Structures are given as C-alpha cells and as structure tokens.
C-alpha cells in the first residue's frame, strides 16, 4: 500500500487478528488476503483487467463484524487509536486507509500494510 513502507509480516497479521477478536461487540473476524480481494474484485466487476495489472494494489485486511452498525464508529476509532503494528495508519476519515467503516453494515475493514 502506498501509505506503508512495507507489507505487514505474518506474525503482525496474526497478532492483529488476536487483538481484534478481543474487542467487545465483535462477533466475527475474517482475514482476506490481497490475492483473494483481487479475485473478488474481478468477480464483482469482470471488466476490470486484473490480469494486466503490474502488481496487486489491494491490501491484506481483516474484516470485523460487530453486533450492530451503531458500534462502527466507536470500534473503528478504537482500532485507529490502537495503532496495531502492521495496520495502515488511519487518516481520521472512514474510507481512507487504516480502519474503514460505513453506516450501512456492521463491518469494519482493518487494512494491513
């Protein structure tokens, strides 16, 4: 990812997963490797020429499901404030880097560097 100097290590990714599972109101934590994210992107929009990309621009990420969408901002901000090693820095706005969330689903994406 452009914001990160290097990718997260396997140990950092595993540690982030363990920490995310300990957060109150978290019901599910799923790891999405960047290769799978690229494949999913192609399935959703076959017109994207993923085979012609020089590198995979997508990050590995943890998708965190919460008990309700009302918890999104609170938990998202807590993930940003925790500054987990390997997680992209948050820029303070949902939809940028780091932990991202919206108000439509009870999910947060913690993007790994």
PDB file of N, CA and C in Angstrom:
ATOM      1  N   UNK A   1       0.835  -1.178   0.000  1.00  0.00           N
ATOM      2  CA  UNK A   1       0.000   0.000   0.000  1.00  0.00           C
ATOM      3  C   UNK A   1       0.880   1.242   0.000  1.00  0.00           C
ATOM      4  N   UNK A   2       0.460   2.275  -0.693  1.00  0.00           N
ATOM      5  CA  UNK A   2       1.288   3.470  -0.792  1.00  0.00           C
ATOM      6  C   UNK A   2       1.613   4.115   0.537  1.00  0.00           C
ATOM      7  N   UNK A   3       0.702   4.013   1.526  1.00  0.00           N
ATOM      8  CA  UNK A   3       0.922   4.666   2.813  1.00  0.00           C
ATOM      9  C   UNK A   3       1.936   3.917   3.679  1.00  0.00           C
ATOM     10  N   UNK A   4       2.256   2.690   3.305  1.00  0.00           N
ATOM     11  CA  UNK A   4       3.126   1.855   4.136  1.00  0.00           C
ATOM     12  C   UNK A   4       4.470   1.644   3.463  1.00  0.00           C
ATOM     13  N   UNK A   5       5.504   1.574   4.266  1.00  0.00           N
ATOM     14  CA  UNK A   5       6.840   1.349   3.739  1.00  0.00           C
ATOM     15  C   UNK A   5       7.046  -0.107   3.343  1.00  0.00           C
ATOM     16  N   UNK A   6       6.303  -1.027   3.994  1.00  0.00           N
ATOM     17  CA  UNK A   6       6.432  -2.452   3.674  1.00  0.00           C
ATOM     18  C   UNK A   6       5.162  -3.174   4.118  1.00  0.00           C
ATOM     19  N   UNK A   7       4.990  -4.380   3.589  1.00  0.00           N
ATOM     20  CA  UNK A   7       3.823  -5.186   3.956  1.00  0.00           C
ATOM     21  C   UNK A   7       3.938  -5.648   5.401  1.00  0.00           C
ATOM     22  N   UNK A   8       2.791  -5.911   6.005  1.00  0.00           N
ATOM     23  CA  UNK A   8       2.776  -6.476   7.357  1.00  0.00           C
ATOM     24  C   UNK A   8       3.348  -7.886   7.306  1.00  0.00           C
ATOM     25  N   UNK A   9       4.005  -8.290   8.373  1.00  0.00           N
ATOM     26  CA  UNK A   9       4.526  -9.655   8.449  1.00  0.00           C
ATOM     27  C   UNK A   9       3.392 -10.606   8.829  1.00  0.00           C
ATOM     28  N   UNK A  10       3.614 -11.890   8.620  1.00  0.00           N
ATOM     29  CA  UNK A  10       2.623 -12.898   9.006  1.00  0.00           C
ATOM     30  C   UNK A  10       2.364 -12.815  10.515  1.00  0.00           C
ATOM     31  N   UNK A  11       3.422 -12.618  11.300  1.00  0.00           N
ATOM     32  CA  UNK A  11       3.264 -12.510  12.759  1.00  0.00           C
ATOM     33  C   UNK A  11       2.433 -11.280  13.130  1.00  0.00           C
ATOM     34  N   UNK A  12       2.666 -10.142  12.457  1.00  0.00           N
ATOM     35  CA  UNK A  12       1.876  -8.939  12.731  1.00  0.00           C
ATOM     36  C   UNK A  12       0.414  -9.164  12.376  1.00  0.00           C
ATOM     37  N   UNK A  13       0.159  -9.800  11.232  1.00  0.00           N
ATOM     38  CA  UNK A  13      -1.218 -10.068  10.821  1.00  0.00           C
ATOM     39  C   UNK A  13      -1.938 -10.954  11.838  1.00  0.00           C
ATOM     40  N   UNK A  14      -1.251 -11.994  12.307  1.00  0.00           N
ATOM     41  CA  UNK A  14      -1.850 -12.887  13.305  1.00  0.00           C
ATOM     42  C   UNK A  14      -2.110 -12.155  14.619  1.00  0.00           C
ATOM     43  N   UNK A  15      -1.174 -11.313  15.035  1.00  0.00           N
ATOM     44  CA  UNK A  15      -1.342 -10.557  16.281  1.00  0.00           C
ATOM     45  C   UNK A  15      -2.535  -9.599  16.180  1.00  0.00           C
ATOM     46  N   UNK A  16      -2.689  -8.947  15.041  1.00  0.00           N
ATOM     47  CA  UNK A  16      -3.828  -8.044  14.851  1.00  0.00           C
ATOM     48  C   UNK A  16      -5.129  -8.839  14.938  1.00  0.00           C
ATOM     49  N   UNK A  17      -5.180 -10.007  14.315  1.00  0.00           N
ATOM     50  CA  UNK A  17      -6.378 -10.846  14.383  1.00  0.00           C
ATOM     51  C   UNK A  17      -6.738 -11.207  15.814  1.00  0.00           C
ATOM     52  N   UNK A  18      -5.732 -11.582  16.604  1.00  0.00           N
ATOM     53  CA  UNK A  18      -5.992 -11.914  18.016  1.00  0.00           C
ATOM     54  C   UNK A  18      -6.535 -10.708  18.775  1.00  0.00           C
ATOM     55  N   UNK A  19      -5.953  -9.535  18.540  1.00  0.00           N
ATOM     56  CA  UNK A  19      -6.394  -8.329  19.248  1.00  0.00           C
ATOM     57  C   UNK A  19      -7.810  -7.930  18.828  1.00  0.00           C
ATOM     58  N   UNK A  20      -8.116  -8.052  17.545  1.00  0.00           N
ATOM     59  CA  UNK A  20      -9.450  -7.689  17.066  1.00  0.00           C
ATOM     60  C   UNK A  20     -10.522  -8.584  17.671  1.00  0.00           C
ATOM     61  N   UNK A  21     -10.203  -9.856  17.854  1.00  0.00           N
ATOM     62  CA  UNK A  21     -11.175 -10.790  18.430  1.00  0.00           C
ATOM     63  C   UNK A  21     -11.495 -10.473  19.893  1.00  0.00           C
ATOM     64  N   UNK A  22     -10.634  -9.727  20.564  1.00  0.00           N
ATOM     65  CA  UNK A  22     -10.837  -9.391  21.980  1.00  0.00           C
ATOM     66  C   UNK A  22     -11.681  -8.137  22.190  1.00  0.00           C
ATOM     67  N   UNK A  23     -11.986  -7.425  21.129  1.00  0.00           N
ATOM     68  CA  UNK A  23     -12.735  -6.169  21.262  1.00  0.00           C
ATOM     69  C   UNK A  23     -14.194  -6.489  21.580  1.00  0.00           C
ATOM     70  N   UNK A  24     -14.762  -5.832  22.593  1.00  0.00           N
ATOM     71  CA  UNK A  24     -16.184  -6.030  22.886  1.00  0.00           C
ATOM     72  C   UNK A  24     -17.040  -5.658  21.657  1.00  0.00           C
ATOM     73  N   UNK A  25     -18.141  -6.317  21.487  1.00  0.00           N
ATOM     74  CA  UNK A  25     -19.083  -6.094  20.397  1.00  0.00           C
ATOM     75  C   UNK A  25     -18.634  -6.687  19.058  1.00  0.00           C
ATOM     76  N   UNK A  26     -17.492  -7.361  19.015  1.00  0.00           N
ATOM     77  CA  UNK A  26     -17.048  -8.032  17.790  1.00  0.00           C
ATOM     78  C   UNK A  26     -17.628  -9.441  17.793  1.00  0.00           C
ATOM     79  N   UNK A  27     -18.324  -9.793  16.701  1.00  0.00           N
ATOM     80  CA  UNK A  27     -18.925 -11.119  16.608  1.00  0.00           C
ATOM     81  C   UNK A  27     -18.176 -12.035  15.654  1.00  0.00           C
ATOM     82  N   UNK A  28     -17.398 -11.455  14.722  1.00  0.00           N
ATOM     83  CA  UNK A  28     -16.704 -12.272  13.727  1.00  0.00           C
ATOM     84  C   UNK A  28     -15.505 -11.498  13.198  1.00  0.00           C
ATOM     85  N   UNK A  29     -14.394 -12.205  12.964  1.00  0.00           N
ATOM     86  CA  UNK A  29     -13.192 -11.603  12.400  1.00  0.00           C
ATOM     87  C   UNK A  29     -12.696 -12.540  11.299  1.00  0.00           C
ATOM     88  N   UNK A  30     -12.580 -12.024  10.069  1.00  0.00           N
ATOM     89  CA  UNK A  30     -12.184 -12.840   8.918  1.00  0.00           C
ATOM     90  C   UNK A  30     -11.009 -12.177   8.216  1.00  0.00           C
ATOM     91  N   UNK A  31      -9.979 -12.971   7.913  1.00  0.00           N
ATOM     92  CA  UNK A  31      -8.811 -12.478   7.181  1.00  0.00           C
ATOM     93  C   UNK A  31      -9.058 -12.644   5.685  1.00  0.00           C
ATOM     94  N   UNK A  32      -8.829 -11.567   4.921  1.00  0.00           N
ATOM     95  CA  UNK A  32      -8.952 -11.595   3.464  1.00  0.00           C
ATOM     96  C   UNK A  32      -7.575 -11.277   2.872  1.00  0.00           C
ATOM     97  N   UNK A  33      -6.877 -12.286   2.327  1.00  0.00           N
ATOM     98  CA  UNK A  33      -5.588 -11.993   1.696  1.00  0.00           C
ATOM     99  C   UNK A  33      -5.785 -11.138   0.438  1.00  0.00           C
ATOM    100  N   UNK A  34      -4.783 -10.352   0.096  1.00  0.00           N
ATOM    101  CA  UNK A  34      -4.929  -9.439  -1.031  1.00  0.00           C
ATOM    102  C   UNK A  34      -5.154 -10.164  -2.351  1.00  0.00           C
ATOM    103  N   UNK A  35      -4.646 -11.377  -2.486  1.00  0.00           N
ATOM    104  CA  UNK A  35      -4.891 -12.156  -3.703  1.00  0.00           C
ATOM    105  C   UNK A  35      -6.386 -12.478  -3.829  1.00  0.00           C
ATOM    106  N   UNK A  36      -7.013 -12.862  -2.721  1.00  0.00           N
ATOM    107  CA  UNK A  36      -8.448 -13.136  -2.722  1.00  0.00           C
ATOM    108  C   UNK A  36      -9.252 -11.858  -2.967  1.00  0.00           C
ATOM    109  N   UNK A  37      -8.811 -10.748  -2.403  1.00  0.00           N
ATOM    110  CA  UNK A  37      -9.506  -9.473  -2.609  1.00  0.00           C
ATOM    111  C   UNK A  37      -9.491  -9.090  -4.089  1.00  0.00           C
ATOM    112  N   UNK A  38      -8.376  -9.330  -4.759  1.00  0.00           N
ATOM    113  CA  UNK A  38      -8.287  -9.022  -6.181  1.00  0.00           C
ATOM    114  C   UNK A  38      -9.217  -9.933  -6.979  1.00  0.00           C
ATOM    115  N   UNK A  39      -9.254 -11.201  -6.626  1.00  0.00           N
ATOM    116  CA  UNK A  39     -10.149 -12.159  -7.288  1.00  0.00           C
ATOM    117  C   UNK A  39     -11.603 -11.751  -7.091  1.00  0.00           C
ATOM    118  N   UNK A  40     -11.966 -11.379  -5.855  1.00  0.00           N
ATOM    119  CA  UNK A  40     -13.341 -10.934  -5.572  1.00  0.00           C
ATOM    120  C   UNK A  40     -13.689  -9.681  -6.371  1.00  0.00           C
ATOM    121  N   UNK A  41     -12.734  -8.755  -6.479  1.00  0.00           N
ATOM    122  CA  UNK A  41     -12.951  -7.538  -7.258  1.00  0.00           C
ATOM    123  C   UNK A  41     -13.252  -7.886  -8.705  1.00  0.00           C
ATOM    124  N   UNK A  42     -12.495  -8.820  -9.255  1.00  0.00           N
ATOM    125  CA  UNK A  42     -12.715  -9.242 -10.646  1.00  0.00           C
ATOM    126  C   UNK A  42     -14.081  -9.905 -10.802  1.00  0.00           C
ATOM    127  N   UNK A  43     -14.489 -10.722  -9.825  1.00  0.00           N
ATOM    128  CA  UNK A  43     -15.799 -11.370  -9.906  1.00  0.00           C
ATOM    129  C   UNK A  43     -16.933 -10.349  -9.883  1.00  0.00           C
ATOM    130  N   UNK A  44     -16.786  -9.326  -9.042  1.00  0.00           N
ATOM    131  CA  UNK A  44     -17.815  -8.297  -8.947  1.00  0.00           C
ATOM    132  C   UNK A  44     -17.858  -7.397 -10.180  1.00  0.00           C
ATOM    133  N   UNK A  45     -16.708  -7.194 -10.803  1.00  0.00           N
ATOM    134  CA  UNK A  45     -16.634  -6.347 -11.991  1.00  0.00           C
ATOM    135  C   UNK A  45     -15.644  -6.954 -12.983  1.00  0.00           C
ATOM    136  N   UNK A  46     -16.109  -7.893 -13.828  1.00  0.00           N
ATOM    137  CA  UNK A  46     -15.217  -8.577 -14.774  1.00  0.00           C
ATOM    138  C   UNK A  46     -14.553  -7.661 -15.794  1.00  0.00           C
ATOM    139  N   UNK A  47     -15.035  -6.431 -15.934  1.00  0.00           N
ATOM    140  CA  UNK A  47     -14.421  -5.521 -16.905  1.00  0.00           C
ATOM    141  C   UNK A  47     -13.081  -4.955 -16.410  1.00  0.00           C
ATOM    142  N   UNK A  48     -12.792  -5.110 -15.119  1.00  0.00           N
ATOM    143  CA  UNK A  48     -11.505  -4.643 -14.592  1.00  0.00           C
ATOM    144  C   UNK A  48     -10.429  -5.633 -15.064  1.00  0.00           C
ATOM    145  N   UNK A  49      -9.422  -5.150 -15.792  1.00  0.00           N
ATOM    146  CA  UNK A  49      -8.404  -6.056 -16.344  1.00  0.00           C
ATOM    147  C   UNK A  49      -7.334  -6.432 -15.307  1.00  0.00           C
ATOM    148  N   UNK A  50      -7.722  -7.223 -14.312  1.00  0.00           N
ATOM    149  CA  UNK A  50      -6.794  -7.529 -13.215  1.00  0.00           C
ATOM    150  C   UNK A  50      -5.562  -8.282 -13.701  1.00  0.00           C
ATOM    151  N   UNK A  51      -5.691  -9.066 -14.760  1.00  0.00           N
ATOM    152  CA  UNK A  51      -4.535  -9.821 -15.259  1.00  0.00           C
ATOM    153  C   UNK A  51      -3.492  -8.907 -15.888  1.00  0.00           C
ATOM    154  N   UNK A  52      -3.858  -7.673 -16.203  1.00  0.00           N
ATOM    155  CA  UNK A  52      -2.924  -6.740 -16.827  1.00  0.00           C
ATOM    156  C   UNK A  52      -2.258  -5.796 -15.818  1.00  0.00           C
ATOM    157  N   UNK A  53      -2.627  -5.918 -14.548  1.00  0.00           N
ATOM    158  CA  UNK A  53      -2.019  -5.059 -13.538  1.00  0.00           C
ATOM    159  C   UNK A  53      -0.577  -5.506 -13.281  1.00  0.00           C
ATOM    160  N   UNK A  54       0.355  -4.567 -13.138  1.00  0.00           N
ATOM    161  CA  UNK A  54       1.748  -4.958 -12.858  1.00  0.00           C
ATOM    162  C   UNK A  54       1.912  -5.567 -11.465  1.00  0.00           C
ATOM    163  N   UNK A  55       1.130  -5.085 -10.502  1.00  0.00           N
ATOM    164  CA  UNK A  55       1.134  -5.628  -9.139  1.00  0.00           C
ATOM    165  C   UNK A  55      -0.278  -5.549  -8.586  1.00  0.00           C
ATOM    166  N   UNK A  56      -0.502  -6.250  -7.498  1.00  0.00           N
ATOM    167  CA  UNK A  56      -1.803  -6.223  -6.847  1.00  0.00           C
ATOM    168  C   UNK A  56      -1.863  -4.976  -5.956  1.00  0.00           C
ATOM    169  N   UNK A  57      -2.759  -4.028  -6.255  1.00  0.00           N
ATOM    170  CA  UNK A  57      -2.809  -2.792  -5.468  1.00  0.00           C
ATOM    171  C   UNK A  57      -3.594  -2.928  -4.162  1.00  0.00           C
ATOM    172  N   UNK A  58      -4.245  -4.068  -3.954  1.00  0.00           N
ATOM    173  CA  UNK A  58      -5.092  -4.230  -2.772  1.00  0.00           C
ATOM    174  C   UNK A  58      -4.304  -4.739  -1.574  1.00  0.00           C
ATOM    175  N   UNK A  59      -4.715  -4.370  -0.357  1.00  0.00           N
ATOM    176  CA  UNK A  59      -4.017  -4.842   0.845  1.00  0.00           C
ATOM    177  C   UNK A  59      -4.626  -6.134   1.371  1.00  0.00           C
ATOM    178  N   UNK A  60      -3.867  -6.854   2.207  1.00  0.00           N
ATOM    179  CA  UNK A  60      -4.477  -7.860   3.069  1.00  0.00           C
ATOM    180  C   UNK A  60      -5.345  -7.077   4.038  1.00  0.00           C
ATOM    181  N   UNK A  61      -6.403  -7.700   4.529  1.00  0.00           N
ATOM    182  CA  UNK A  61      -7.221  -6.984   5.507  1.00  0.00           C
ATOM    183  C   UNK A  61      -7.983  -7.948   6.401  1.00  0.00           C
ATOM    184  N   UNK A  62      -8.326  -7.448   7.572  1.00  0.00           N
ATOM    185  CA  UNK A  62      -9.219  -8.143   8.490  1.00  0.00           C
ATOM    186  C   UNK A  62     -10.576  -7.477   8.357  1.00  0.00           C
ATOM    187  N   UNK A  63     -11.619  -8.284   8.184  1.00  0.00           N
ATOM    188  CA  UNK A  63     -12.982  -7.755   8.165  1.00  0.00           C
ATOM    189  C   UNK A  63     -13.613  -8.126   9.500  1.00  0.00           C
ATOM    190  N   UNK A  64     -14.013  -7.107  10.235  1.00  0.00           N
ATOM    191  CA  UNK A  64     -14.542  -7.269  11.579  1.00  0.00           C
ATOM    192  C   UNK A  64     -16.050  -7.032  11.532  1.00  0.00           C
ATOM    193  N   UNK A  65     -16.830  -8.014  11.979  1.00  0.00           N
ATOM    194  CA  UNK A  65     -18.287  -7.865  12.050  1.00  0.00           C
ATOM    195  C   UNK A  65     -18.669  -7.587  13.495  1.00  0.00           C
ATOM    196  N   UNK A  66     -19.525  -6.602  13.671  1.00  0.00           N
ATOM    197  CA  UNK A  66     -19.931  -6.155  15.004  1.00  0.00           C
ATOM    198  C   UNK A  66     -21.379  -6.538  15.285  1.00  0.00           C
ATOM    199  N   UNK A  67     -21.771  -6.404  16.542  1.00  0.00           N
ATOM    200  CA  UNK A  67     -23.142  -6.733  16.924  1.00  0.00           C
ATOM    201  C   UNK A  67     -24.150  -5.809  16.256  1.00  0.00           C
ATOM    202  N   UNK A  68     -23.789  -4.549  16.010  1.00  0.00           N
ATOM    203  CA  UNK A  68     -24.700  -3.626  15.328  1.00  0.00           C
ATOM    204  C   UNK A  68     -23.899  -2.515  14.657  1.00  0.00           C
ATOM    205  N   UNK A  69     -24.509  -1.900  13.645  1.00  0.00           N
ATOM    206  CA  UNK A  69     -23.820  -0.820  12.925  1.00  0.00           C
ATOM    207  C   UNK A  69     -23.612   0.415  13.789  1.00  0.00           C
ATOM    208  N   UNK A  70     -24.348   0.532  14.893  1.00  0.00           N
ATOM    209  CA  UNK A  70     -24.150   1.679  15.787  1.00  0.00           C
ATOM    210  C   UNK A  70     -22.757   1.660  16.430  1.00  0.00           C
ATOM    211  N   UNK A  71     -22.131   0.476  16.468  1.00  0.00           N
ATOM    212  CA  UNK A  71     -20.807   0.351  17.076  1.00  0.00           C
ATOM    213  C   UNK A  71     -19.670   0.661  16.104  1.00  0.00           C
ATOM    214  N   UNK A  72     -19.969   0.834  14.807  1.00  0.00           N
ATOM    215  CA  UNK A  72     -18.924   1.002  13.797  1.00  0.00           C
ATOM    216  C   UNK A  72     -17.925   2.105  14.132  1.00  0.00           C
ATOM    217  N   UNK A  73     -18.410   3.314  14.319  1.00  0.00           N
ATOM    218  CA  UNK A  73     -17.501   4.437  14.551  1.00  0.00           C
ATOM    219  C   UNK A  73     -16.707   4.248  15.836  1.00  0.00           C
ATOM    220  N   UNK A  74     -17.370   3.816  16.899  1.00  0.00           N
ATOM    221  CA  UNK A  74     -16.687   3.633  18.186  1.00  0.00           C
ATOM    222  C   UNK A  74     -15.556   2.609  18.050  1.00  0.00           C
ATOM    223  N   UNK A  75     -15.849   1.448  17.472  1.00  0.00           N
ATOM    224  CA  UNK A  75     -14.837   0.398  17.343  1.00  0.00           C
ATOM    225  C   UNK A  75     -13.795   0.792  16.297  1.00  0.00           C
ATOM    226  N   UNK A  76     -14.220   1.390  15.192  1.00  0.00           N
ATOM    227  CA  UNK A  76     -13.269   1.835  14.169  1.00  0.00           C
ATOM    228  C   UNK A  76     -12.259   2.821  14.726  1.00  0.00           C
ATOM    229  N   UNK A  77     -12.746   3.779  15.502  1.00  0.00           N
ATOM    230  CA  UNK A  77     -11.846   4.761  16.117  1.00  0.00           C
ATOM    231  C   UNK A  77     -10.924   4.097  17.140  1.00  0.00           C
ATOM    232  N   UNK A  78     -11.426   3.091  17.854  1.00  0.00           N
ATOM    233  CA  UNK A  78     -10.587   2.367  18.820  1.00  0.00           C
ATOM    234  C   UNK A  78      -9.472   1.605  18.099  1.00  0.00           C
ATOM    235  N   UNK A  79      -9.789   1.010  16.949  1.00  0.00           N
ATOM    236  CA  UNK A  79      -8.763   0.312  16.172  1.00  0.00           C
ATOM    237  C   UNK A  79      -7.719   1.315  15.694  1.00  0.00           C
ATOM    238  N   UNK A  80      -8.161   2.465  15.199  1.00  0.00           N
ATOM    239  CA  UNK A  80      -7.218   3.504  14.753  1.00  0.00           C
ATOM    240  C   UNK A  80      -6.324   3.969  15.908  1.00  0.00           C
ATOM    241  N   UNK A  81      -6.927   4.184  17.057  1.00  0.00           N
ATOM    242  CA  UNK A  81      -6.171   4.680  18.212  1.00  0.00           C
ATOM    243  C   UNK A  81      -5.166   3.652  18.725  1.00  0.00           C
ATOM    244  N   UNK A  82      -5.442   2.364  18.501  1.00  0.00           N
ATOM    245  CA  UNK A  82      -4.555   1.310  18.998  1.00  0.00           C
ATOM    246  C   UNK A  82      -3.248   1.220  18.228  1.00  0.00           C
ATOM    247  N   UNK A  83      -3.245   1.703  17.009  1.00  0.00           N
ATOM    248  CA  UNK A  83      -2.034   1.699  16.179  1.00  0.00           C
ATOM    249  C   UNK A  83      -1.357   0.325  16.158  1.00  0.00           C
ATOM    250  N   UNK A  84      -2.128  -0.699  15.818  1.00  0.00           N
ATOM    251  CA  UNK A  84      -1.590  -2.054  15.743  1.00  0.00           C
ATOM    252  C   UNK A  84      -0.450  -2.113  14.735  1.00  0.00           C
ATOM    253  N   UNK A  85       0.625  -2.794  15.084  1.00  0.00           N
ATOM    254  CA  UNK A  85       1.753  -2.958  14.172  1.00  0.00           C
ATOM    255  C   UNK A  85       1.281  -3.695  12.927  1.00  0.00           C
ATOM    256  N   UNK A  86       1.562  -3.130  11.767  1.00  0.00           N
ATOM    257  CA  UNK A  86       1.174  -3.745  10.510  1.00  0.00           C
ATOM    258  C   UNK A  86      -0.100  -3.191   9.919  1.00  0.00           C
ATOM    259  N   UNK A  87      -0.921  -2.483  10.728  1.00  0.00           N
ATOM    260  CA  UNK A  87      -2.156  -1.883  10.210  1.00  0.00           C
ATOM    261  C   UNK A  87      -1.813  -0.502   9.681  1.00  0.00           C
ATOM    262  N   UNK A  88      -2.349  -0.184   8.506  1.00  0.00           N
ATOM    263  CA  UNK A  88      -2.087   1.122   7.917  1.00  0.00           C
ATOM    264  C   UNK A  88      -2.526   2.232   8.867  1.00  0.00           C
ATOM    265  N   UNK A  89      -1.812   3.333   8.853  1.00  0.00           N
ATOM    266  CA  UNK A  89      -2.222   4.467   9.685  1.00  0.00           C
ATOM    267  C   UNK A  89      -3.589   4.970   9.259  1.00  0.00           C
ATOM    268  N   UNK A  90      -4.392   5.365  10.205  1.00  0.00           N
ATOM    269  CA  UNK A  90      -5.706   5.937   9.904  1.00  0.00           C
ATOM    270  C   UNK A  90      -5.531   7.427   9.679  1.00  0.00           C
ATOM    271  N   UNK A  91      -6.281   7.945   8.760  1.00  0.00           N
ATOM    272  CA  UNK A  91      -6.212   9.378   8.491  1.00  0.00           C
ATOM    273  C   UNK A  91      -7.388  10.120   9.100  1.00  0.00           C
ATOM    274  N   UNK A  92      -8.167   9.413   9.906  1.00  0.00           N
ATOM    275  CA  UNK A  92      -9.250  10.086  10.605  1.00  0.00           C
ATOM    276  C   UNK A  92     -10.593  10.071   9.898  1.00  0.00           C
ATOM    277  N   UNK A  93     -10.631   9.597   8.656  1.00  0.00           N
ATOM    278  CA  UNK A  93     -11.889   9.579   7.933  1.00  0.00           C
ATOM    279  C   UNK A  93     -12.198   8.181   7.433  1.00  0.00           C
ATOM    280  N   UNK A  94     -13.426   7.701   7.637  1.00  0.00           N
ATOM    281  CA  UNK A  94     -13.805   6.421   7.053  1.00  0.00           C
ATOM    282  C   UNK A  94     -13.613   6.477   5.542  1.00  0.00           C
ATOM    283  N   UNK A  95     -13.126   5.395   4.971  1.00  0.00           N
ATOM    284  CA  UNK A  95     -12.929   5.332   3.527  1.00  0.00           C
ATOM    285  C   UNK A  95     -11.519   5.666   3.099  1.00  0.00           C
ATOM    286  N   UNK A  96     -10.645   6.097   4.030  1.00  0.00           N
ATOM    287  CA  UNK A  96      -9.265   6.368   3.629  1.00  0.00           C
ATOM    288  C   UNK A  96      -8.447   5.105   3.828  1.00  0.00           C
ATOM    289  N   UNK A  97      -7.488   5.124   4.713  1.00  0.00           N
ATOM    290  CA  UNK A  97      -6.684   3.936   4.966  1.00  0.00           C
ATOM    291  C   UNK A  97      -6.864   3.528   6.415  1.00  0.00           C
ATOM    292  N   UNK A  98      -6.192   2.478   6.820  1.00  0.00           N
ATOM    293  CA  UNK A  98      -6.317   2.013   8.193  1.00  0.00           C
ATOM    294  C   UNK A  98      -7.627   1.299   8.411  1.00  0.00           C
ATOM    295  N   UNK A  99      -8.357   1.648   9.437  1.00  0.00           N
ATOM    296  CA  UNK A  99      -9.662   1.050   9.699  1.00  0.00           C
ATOM    297  C   UNK A  99     -10.719   1.865   8.977  1.00  0.00           C
ATOM    298  N   UNK A 100     -11.547   1.206   8.186  1.00  0.00           N
ATOM    299  CA  UNK A 100     -12.602   1.897   7.460  1.00  0.00           C
ATOM    300  C   UNK A 100     -13.943   1.275   7.801  1.00  0.00           C
ATOM    301  N   UNK A 101     -14.977   2.091   7.809  1.00  0.00           N
ATOM    302  CA  UNK A 101     -16.305   1.597   8.136  1.00  0.00           C
ATOM    303  C   UNK A 101     -17.345   2.488   7.478  1.00  0.00           C
ATOM    304  N   UNK A 102     -18.563   1.979   7.404  1.00  0.00           N
ATOM    305  CA  UNK A 102     -19.675   2.792   6.934  1.00  0.00           C
ATOM    306  C   UNK A 102     -20.855   2.580   7.867  1.00  0.00           C
ATOM    307  N   UNK A 103     -21.952   3.233   7.589  1.00  0.00           N
ATOM    308  CA  UNK A 103     -23.108   3.123   8.480  1.00  0.00           C
ATOM    309  C   UNK A 103     -24.147   2.145   7.954  1.00  0.00           C
ATOM    310  N   UNK A 104     -23.859   1.454   6.852  1.00  0.00           N
ATOM    311  CA  UNK A 104     -24.838   0.555   6.258  1.00  0.00           C
ATOM    312  C   UNK A 104     -24.724  -0.880   6.757  1.00  0.00           C
ATOM    313  N   UNK A 105     -23.553  -1.289   7.160  1.00  0.00           N
ATOM    314  CA  UNK A 105     -23.350  -2.660   7.635  1.00  0.00           C
ATOM    315  C   UNK A 105     -22.531  -2.627   8.915  1.00  0.00           C
ATOM    316  N   UNK A 106     -22.706  -3.600   9.779  1.00  0.00           N
ATOM    317  CA  UNK A 106     -21.893  -3.629  10.998  1.00  0.00           C
ATOM    318  C   UNK A 106     -20.534  -4.272  10.727  1.00  0.00           C
ATOM    319  N   UNK A 107     -19.749  -3.668   9.821  1.00  0.00           N
ATOM    320  CA  UNK A 107     -18.436  -4.209   9.474  1.00  0.00           C
ATOM    321  C   UNK A 107     -17.381  -3.115   9.438  1.00  0.00           C
ATOM    322  N   UNK A 108     -16.172  -3.492   9.813  1.00  0.00           N
ATOM    323  CA  UNK A 108     -15.016  -2.611   9.751  1.00  0.00           C
ATOM    324  C   UNK A 108     -13.925  -3.363   9.009  1.00  0.00           C
ATOM    325  N   UNK A 109     -13.175  -2.683   8.186  1.00  0.00           N
ATOM    326  CA  UNK A 109     -12.045  -3.288   7.482  1.00  0.00           C
ATOM    327  C   UNK A 109     -10.771  -2.680   8.027  1.00  0.00           C
ATOM    328  N   UNK A 110      -9.911  -3.529   8.588  1.00  0.00           N
ATOM    329  CA  UNK A 110      -8.609  -3.088   9.074  1.00  0.00           C
ATOM    330  C   UNK A 110      -7.589  -3.463   8.009  1.00  0.00           C
ATOM    331  N   UNK A 111      -7.123  -2.478   7.256  1.00  0.00           N
ATOM    332  CA  UNK A 111      -6.212  -2.722   6.136  1.00  0.00           C
ATOM    333  C   UNK A 111      -4.777  -2.829   6.640  1.00  0.00           C
ATOM    334  N   UNK A 112      -4.118  -3.877   6.190  1.00  0.00           N
ATOM    335  CA  UNK A 112      -2.756  -4.155   6.631  1.00  0.00           C
ATOM    336  C   UNK A 112      -1.756  -3.591   5.632  1.00  0.00           C
ATOM    337  N   UNK A 113      -0.609  -3.166   6.145  1.00  0.00           N
ATOM    338  CA  UNK A 113       0.418  -2.586   5.287  1.00  0.00           C
ATOM    339  C   UNK A 113       1.208  -3.621   4.562  1.00  0.00           C
TER     340      UNK A 113
END
